Amino acid sequence: MKPNHTTNTATAENESKITNEKQMEHQPVVDDESHVASGKLKGKIALITGGGSGIGKAVAILFAKEGAKVAINYYKGEEDAQDAKAIIEKYGGEVLLIQGDISDEAFCRQLVDTTVKHFGRIDILVNNAGTQHHTESIEDIKTDNLIKTFQVNVFAMIWITQAAVPHMPKGSSIINTTSVTAYQGHKDLLDYSATKGAIVAFTRSLSASLVDKEIRVNGVAPGPIWTPLAMSSFDEESNKHHGEDTPLQRAGEPVEVAPSYLFLASKDASYMTGQVLHPNGGSIING
């Protein structure tokens, strides 16, 4: 089983030199030009981490098409982030790009402050950025990588949410990106899978914590998706077969995952909190 998604990573070096979508042999599909918007997020303000490429980019574009003003955090993928901005502006949307490393607590708070100063509030928080490091066995996990993986995938999610909640009105939505690996595990992504399991627990607990504030908290657990980080984590031969072990026998496109986030962000999911959606190519989930 290959790794699930990821978005624009918020951390340092990866296994290969793939750092943006244009370097990928398979170009990820991040926009459905045939989509007919219905204003589901009209007037909403969304902050999306890891929004420069992959799933986060597709989510940002779809949210903007549905009427939201979008703040996109990204780390190194400047070209991909600028492309996301151009697509959003082509559709008449408003977007704010905020570059920075969310493994730094101070930046996480700055990220929220910058968004609120620009847009006034946050209605939708998508904690999506992540990182992963391929290892052959538990003995190969480097402490520095272990710490960084938890900082980016878990600590940052908590820091950003802490800073954002005071600026989120009743009826707001928080959506956390977990992974199929939280449910099925992954022998070569031990620490990454552990963080994704933590995100599931955090999502369920946070939903109970914020119910009195009328803020819904849900998650999305993608399966194998065409993104730069997914490609950078494994070798070229393995990447050729990305997603072939799913029941649908292929990897998904970011644009196929984005509607799960739109559903959870909109009034369509008004009776859902503490739940996780599974766009994973048909993999059976236990737990």
Protein backbone atom coordinates (compact mmCIF):
# COMPACT_ATOMS: atom_id res chain seq x y z
CA MET A 1 0.00 0.00 0.00
CA LYS A 2 1.36 3.41 -1.00
CA PRO A 3 1.12 6.57 1.12
CA ASN A 4 -2.16 8.42 1.08
CA HIS A 5 -2.04 11.99 -0.04
CA THR A 6 -0.07 14.79 0.96
CA THR A 7 -0.16 18.39 0.22
CA ASN A 8 2.59 20.88 -0.08
CA THR A 9 4.93 19.77 2.66
CA ALA A 10 5.71 22.13 5.50
CA THR A 11 9.12 20.75 6.27
CA ALA A 12 12.55 20.01 4.86
CA GLU A 13 14.13 17.52 2.47
CA ASN A 14 12.30 14.52 1.04
CA GLU A 15 13.41 11.26 -0.53
CA SER A 16 13.71 12.58 -4.10
CA LYS A 17 14.03 15.88 -5.91
CA ILE A 18 10.32 16.21 -6.73
CA THR A 19 9.21 19.45 -5.12
CA ASN A 20 6.35 20.63 -7.33
CA GLU A 21 3.61 19.35 -9.58
CA LYS A 22 5.34 20.19 -12.87
CA GLN A 23 8.17 17.80 -12.02
CA MET A 24 5.72 14.90 -11.83
CA GLU A 25 5.32 12.59 -14.82
CA HIS A 26 1.62 12.39 -13.98
CA GLN A 27 0.27 15.93 -13.65
CA PRO A 28 -2.25 16.08 -10.78
CA VAL A 29 -5.72 17.32 -11.67
CA VAL A 30 -6.60 20.09 -9.21
CA ASP A 31 -9.49 21.84 -10.96
CA ASP A 32 -12.73 20.60 -12.47
CA GLU A 33 -13.50 23.26 -15.05
CA SER A 34 -16.97 21.79 -15.59
CA HIS A 35 -17.95 22.32 -11.96
CA VAL A 36 -21.04 24.52 -11.65
CA ALA A 37 -20.79 26.52 -8.43
CA SER A 38 -23.86 27.12 -6.27
CA GLY A 39 -22.49 29.57 -3.71
CA LYS A 40 -22.22 27.03 -0.89
CA LEU A 41 -19.44 29.04 0.78
CA LYS A 42 -20.48 32.54 -0.27
CA GLY A 43 -19.06 35.13 2.11
CA LYS A 44 -16.97 32.61 4.05
CA ILE A 45 -13.31 32.99 4.99
CA ALA A 46 -11.14 29.87 4.75
CA LEU A 47 -7.59 29.23 5.96
CA ILE A 48 -5.96 26.19 4.34
CA THR A 49 -2.54 24.88 5.33
CA GLY A 50 -0.59 23.00 2.68
CA GLY A 51 -2.77 24.73 0.11
CA GLY A 52 -0.11 25.31 -2.51
CA SER A 53 -0.27 21.92 -4.21
CA GLY A 54 -2.06 18.59 -4.27
CA ILE A 55 -5.20 18.17 -2.21
CA GLY A 56 -4.89 21.53 -0.47
CA LYS A 57 -4.63 23.31 -3.81
CA ALA A 58 -7.71 21.54 -5.16
CA VAL A 59 -9.62 22.40 -1.97
CA ALA A 60 -8.60 26.06 -2.17
CA ILE A 61 -9.74 26.30 -5.79
CA LEU A 62 -13.07 24.60 -5.11
CA PHE A 63 -13.73 26.72 -2.01
CA ALA A 64 -13.03 29.89 -3.98
CA LYS A 65 -15.33 28.80 -6.79
CA GLU A 66 -18.05 28.28 -4.19
CA GLY A 67 -17.65 31.85 -2.93
CA ALA A 68 -15.07 31.68 -0.13
CA LYS A 69 -12.15 34.05 0.29
CA VAL A 70 -9.11 31.87 0.82
CA ALA A 71 -5.84 32.19 2.73
CA ILE A 72 -3.32 29.59 1.56
CA ASN A 73 -0.32 28.58 3.64
CA TYR A 74 2.53 26.85 1.83
CA TYR A 75 6.17 26.07 2.58
CA LYS A 76 8.49 25.76 -0.43
CA GLY A 77 6.29 25.20 -3.49
CA GLU A 78 6.25 28.80 -4.70
CA GLU A 79 5.47 27.89 -8.32
CA ASP A 80 2.54 25.66 -7.34
CA ALA A 81 1.19 28.26 -4.90
CA GLN A 82 1.34 30.98 -7.53
CA ASP A 83 -0.49 28.67 -9.92
CA ALA A 84 -3.21 28.11 -7.33
CA LYS A 85 -3.52 31.88 -6.91
CA ALA A 86 -3.77 32.41 -10.66
CA ILE A 87 -6.50 29.78 -11.02
CA ILE A 88 -8.51 31.23 -8.16
CA GLU A 89 -8.22 34.75 -9.51
CA LYS A 90 -9.23 33.50 -12.97
CA TYR A 91 -12.54 32.51 -11.41
CA GLY A 92 -12.88 35.91 -9.73
CA GLY A 93 -11.90 34.69 -6.26
CA GLU A 94 -9.82 36.42 -3.62
CA VAL A 95 -6.74 34.65 -2.27
CA LEU A 96 -3.96 35.48 0.17
CA LEU A 97 -0.72 33.48 -0.03
CA ILE A 98 1.21 33.07 3.25
CA GLN A 99 4.55 31.31 3.01
CA GLY A 100 6.05 29.76 6.13
CA ASP A 101 7.03 26.69 8.14
CA ILE A 102 4.25 25.48 10.42
CA SER A 103 6.66 23.35 12.45
CA ASP A 104 7.43 26.65 14.20
CA GLU A 105 4.84 27.53 16.86
CA ALA A 106 5.39 31.28 16.52
CA PHE A 107 4.72 31.11 12.78
CA CYS A 108 1.50 29.14 13.37
CA ARG A 109 0.16 32.01 15.46
CA GLN A 110 1.45 34.53 12.94
CA LEU A 111 -0.35 32.64 10.18
CA VAL A 112 -3.67 33.01 11.95
CA ASP A 113 -3.01 36.64 12.86
CA THR A 114 -2.15 37.50 9.25
CA THR A 115 -5.33 35.83 7.98
CA VAL A 116 -7.53 37.59 10.53
CA LYS A 117 -5.92 40.99 9.89
CA HIS A 118 -6.54 40.58 6.17
CA PHE A 119 -10.01 39.01 6.18
CA GLY A 120 -11.40 39.81 9.66
CA ARG A 121 -12.18 36.29 10.85
CA ILE A 122 -11.94 32.59 9.97
CA ASP A 123 -15.06 30.56 9.14
CA ILE A 124 -13.35 27.44 7.83
CA LEU A 125 -10.02 26.06 9.01
CA VAL A 126 -8.50 23.25 6.95
CA ASN A 127 -5.52 21.69 8.75
CA ASN A 128 -4.08 19.92 5.76
CA ALA A 129 -0.27 20.35 5.56
CA GLY A 130 1.80 17.28 6.27
CA THR A 131 5.15 15.59 5.85
CA GLN A 132 6.40 12.02 5.76
CA HIS A 133 9.69 10.10 5.61
CA HIS A 134 10.03 6.66 4.08
CA THR A 135 11.90 4.11 6.23
CA GLU A 136 12.49 0.39 5.74
CA SER A 137 12.06 -0.46 9.44
CA ILE A 138 11.56 1.10 12.84
CA GLU A 139 15.33 0.95 13.42
CA ASP A 140 15.78 3.38 10.51
CA ILE A 141 13.64 6.17 11.93
CA LYS A 142 15.82 9.17 12.65
CA THR A 143 14.93 11.16 15.74
CA ASP A 144 15.15 14.47 13.89
CA ASN A 145 12.68 13.23 11.27
CA LEU A 146 10.42 11.77 13.93
CA ILE A 147 10.26 15.07 15.80
CA LYS A 148 9.70 17.06 12.60
CA THR A 149 6.92 14.74 11.44
CA PHE A 150 5.02 15.18 14.69
CA GLN A 151 5.68 18.93 14.73
CA VAL A 152 4.25 19.41 11.25
CA ASN A 153 1.46 16.85 11.30
CA VAL A 154 0.20 17.10 14.89
CA PHE A 155 1.72 19.95 16.90
CA ALA A 156 1.07 22.52 14.18
CA MET A 157 -2.53 21.39 13.88
CA ILE A 158 -3.03 22.04 17.58
CA TRP A 159 -1.13 25.36 17.57
CA ILE A 160 -3.06 26.71 14.58
CA THR A 161 -6.40 25.59 15.97
CA GLN A 162 -5.61 27.18 19.34
CA ALA A 163 -4.93 30.48 17.62
CA ALA A 164 -7.87 30.26 15.21
CA VAL A 165 -10.77 29.25 17.46
CA PRO A 166 -11.11 32.68 19.16
CA HIS A 167 -11.65 34.16 15.68
CA MET A 168 -14.20 31.57 14.52
CA PRO A 169 -17.90 32.45 14.89
CA LYS A 170 -20.74 30.03 15.60
CA GLY A 171 -21.39 27.77 12.65
CA SER A 172 -17.72 27.56 11.69
CA SER A 173 -16.05 24.36 10.53
CA ILE A 174 -12.66 22.76 11.16
CA ILE A 175 -11.51 20.01 8.81
CA ASN A 176 -8.39 17.96 9.56
CA THR A 177 -6.57 15.83 7.00
CA THR A 178 -5.76 12.38 8.32
CA SER A 179 -5.04 9.33 6.13
CA VAL A 180 -5.99 5.80 5.21
CA THR A 181 -2.75 4.85 6.99
CA ALA A 182 -4.37 5.76 10.31
CA TYR A 183 -6.75 2.86 9.79
CA GLN A 184 -4.71 0.37 7.77
CA GLY A 185 -1.18 1.24 8.86
CA HIS A 186 1.85 1.39 6.57
CA LYS A 187 5.01 -0.63 7.11
CA ASP A 188 7.28 2.01 5.55
CA LEU A 189 5.60 5.07 7.13
CA LEU A 190 5.54 4.19 10.81
CA ASP A 191 5.86 7.65 12.33
CA TYR A 192 3.67 9.25 9.67
CA SER A 193 0.94 6.68 10.28
CA ALA A 194 1.21 7.33 14.01
CA THR A 195 0.63 11.04 13.46
CA LYS A 196 -2.39 10.34 11.29
CA GLY A 197 -3.87 8.13 13.99
CA ALA A 198 -3.31 10.97 16.45
CA ILE A 199 -5.18 13.30 14.11
CA VAL A 200 -8.23 11.02 14.13
CA ALA A 201 -8.25 11.05 17.95
CA PHE A 202 -7.67 14.81 18.03
CA THR A 203 -10.53 15.39 15.57
CA ARG A 204 -12.99 13.36 17.61
CA SER A 205 -11.91 14.95 20.89
CA LEU A 206 -11.89 18.49 19.50
CA SER A 207 -15.38 18.02 18.11
CA ALA A 208 -16.65 17.29 21.63
CA SER A 209 -14.66 20.20 23.05
CA LEU A 210 -16.07 22.75 20.61
CA VAL A 211 -19.67 21.60 20.41
CA ASP A 212 -20.78 24.28 22.88
CA LYS A 213 -19.20 26.92 20.64
CA GLU A 214 -21.19 25.47 17.72
CA ILE A 215 -18.02 24.78 15.74
CA ARG A 216 -18.08 21.50 13.84
CA VAL A 217 -14.89 19.43 13.59
CA ASN A 218 -14.46 16.64 11.06
CA GLY A 219 -11.72 14.93 9.08
CA VAL A 220 -10.87 13.52 5.67
CA ALA A 221 -8.74 10.38 5.27
CA PRO A 222 -7.54 10.17 1.67
CA GLY A 223 -6.09 7.07 0.13
CA PRO A 224 -3.32 7.20 -2.53
CA ILE A 225 -3.54 10.53 -4.38
CA TRP A 226 -1.31 12.09 -7.04
CA THR A 227 0.64 14.79 -5.16
CA PRO A 228 4.28 15.96 -5.11
CA LEU A 229 5.03 14.66 -1.63
CA ALA A 230 3.59 11.23 -2.36
CA MET A 231 5.91 11.01 -5.35
CA SER A 232 8.93 12.34 -3.46
CA SER A 233 8.68 9.74 -0.72
CA PHE A 234 9.18 6.60 -2.80
CA ASP A 235 11.33 5.50 -5.71
CA GLU A 236 10.44 5.90 -9.37
CA GLU A 237 9.48 2.26 -9.93
CA SER A 238 7.15 2.25 -6.93
CA ASN A 239 5.54 5.50 -8.08
CA LYS A 240 4.62 3.93 -11.42
CA HIS A 241 2.21 1.67 -9.53
CA HIS A 242 0.82 4.35 -7.19
CA GLY A 243 -2.67 3.35 -6.07
CA GLU A 244 -2.91 0.16 -8.11
CA ASP A 245 -3.55 -1.90 -4.97
CA THR A 246 -6.86 -0.13 -4.25
CA PRO A 247 -10.16 -1.72 -5.36
CA LEU A 248 -10.40 0.97 -8.08
CA GLN A 249 -6.85 -0.01 -9.13
CA ARG A 250 -5.59 3.56 -9.47
CA ALA A 251 -4.56 6.58 -7.46
CA GLY A 252 -7.03 9.40 -7.04
CA GLU A 253 -6.74 12.96 -8.28
CA PRO A 254 -6.74 15.88 -5.82
CA VAL A 255 -9.88 17.17 -7.53
CA GLU A 256 -11.65 13.94 -6.55
CA VAL A 257 -10.89 14.52 -2.86
CA ALA A 258 -11.75 18.23 -2.66
CA PRO A 259 -15.56 17.72 -2.65
CA SER A 260 -15.28 15.89 0.69
CA TYR A 261 -13.88 19.08 2.20
CA LEU A 262 -16.55 21.22 0.53
CA PHE A 263 -19.27 19.01 1.97
CA LEU A 264 -17.85 19.20 5.49
CA ALA A 265 -17.33 22.98 5.23
CA SER A 266 -20.85 23.72 4.03
CA LYS A 267 -24.30 23.63 5.58
CA ASP A 268 -24.81 20.27 3.87
CA ALA A 269 -22.85 18.75 6.78
CA SER A 270 -24.66 20.69 9.52
CA TYR A 271 -25.46 17.46 11.39
CA MET A 272 -21.93 16.05 11.20
CA THR A 273 -19.17 16.52 13.73
CA GLY A 274 -16.42 14.20 14.95
CA GLN A 275 -16.62 12.21 11.70
CA VAL A 276 -14.11 11.21 9.01
CA LEU A 277 -14.78 10.83 5.29
CA HIS A 278 -12.79 8.25 3.29
CA PRO A 279 -12.04 9.07 -0.36
CA ASN A 280 -9.62 6.15 -0.72
CA GLY A 281 -10.39 4.23 -3.90
CA GLY A 282 -12.63 1.70 -2.19
CA SER A 283 -10.30 0.43 0.54
CA ILE A 284 -12.15 -1.22 3.41
CA ILE A 285 -11.72 0.69 6.66
CA ASN A 286 -11.94 -1.03 10.03
CA GLY A 287 -12.00 1.10 13.18
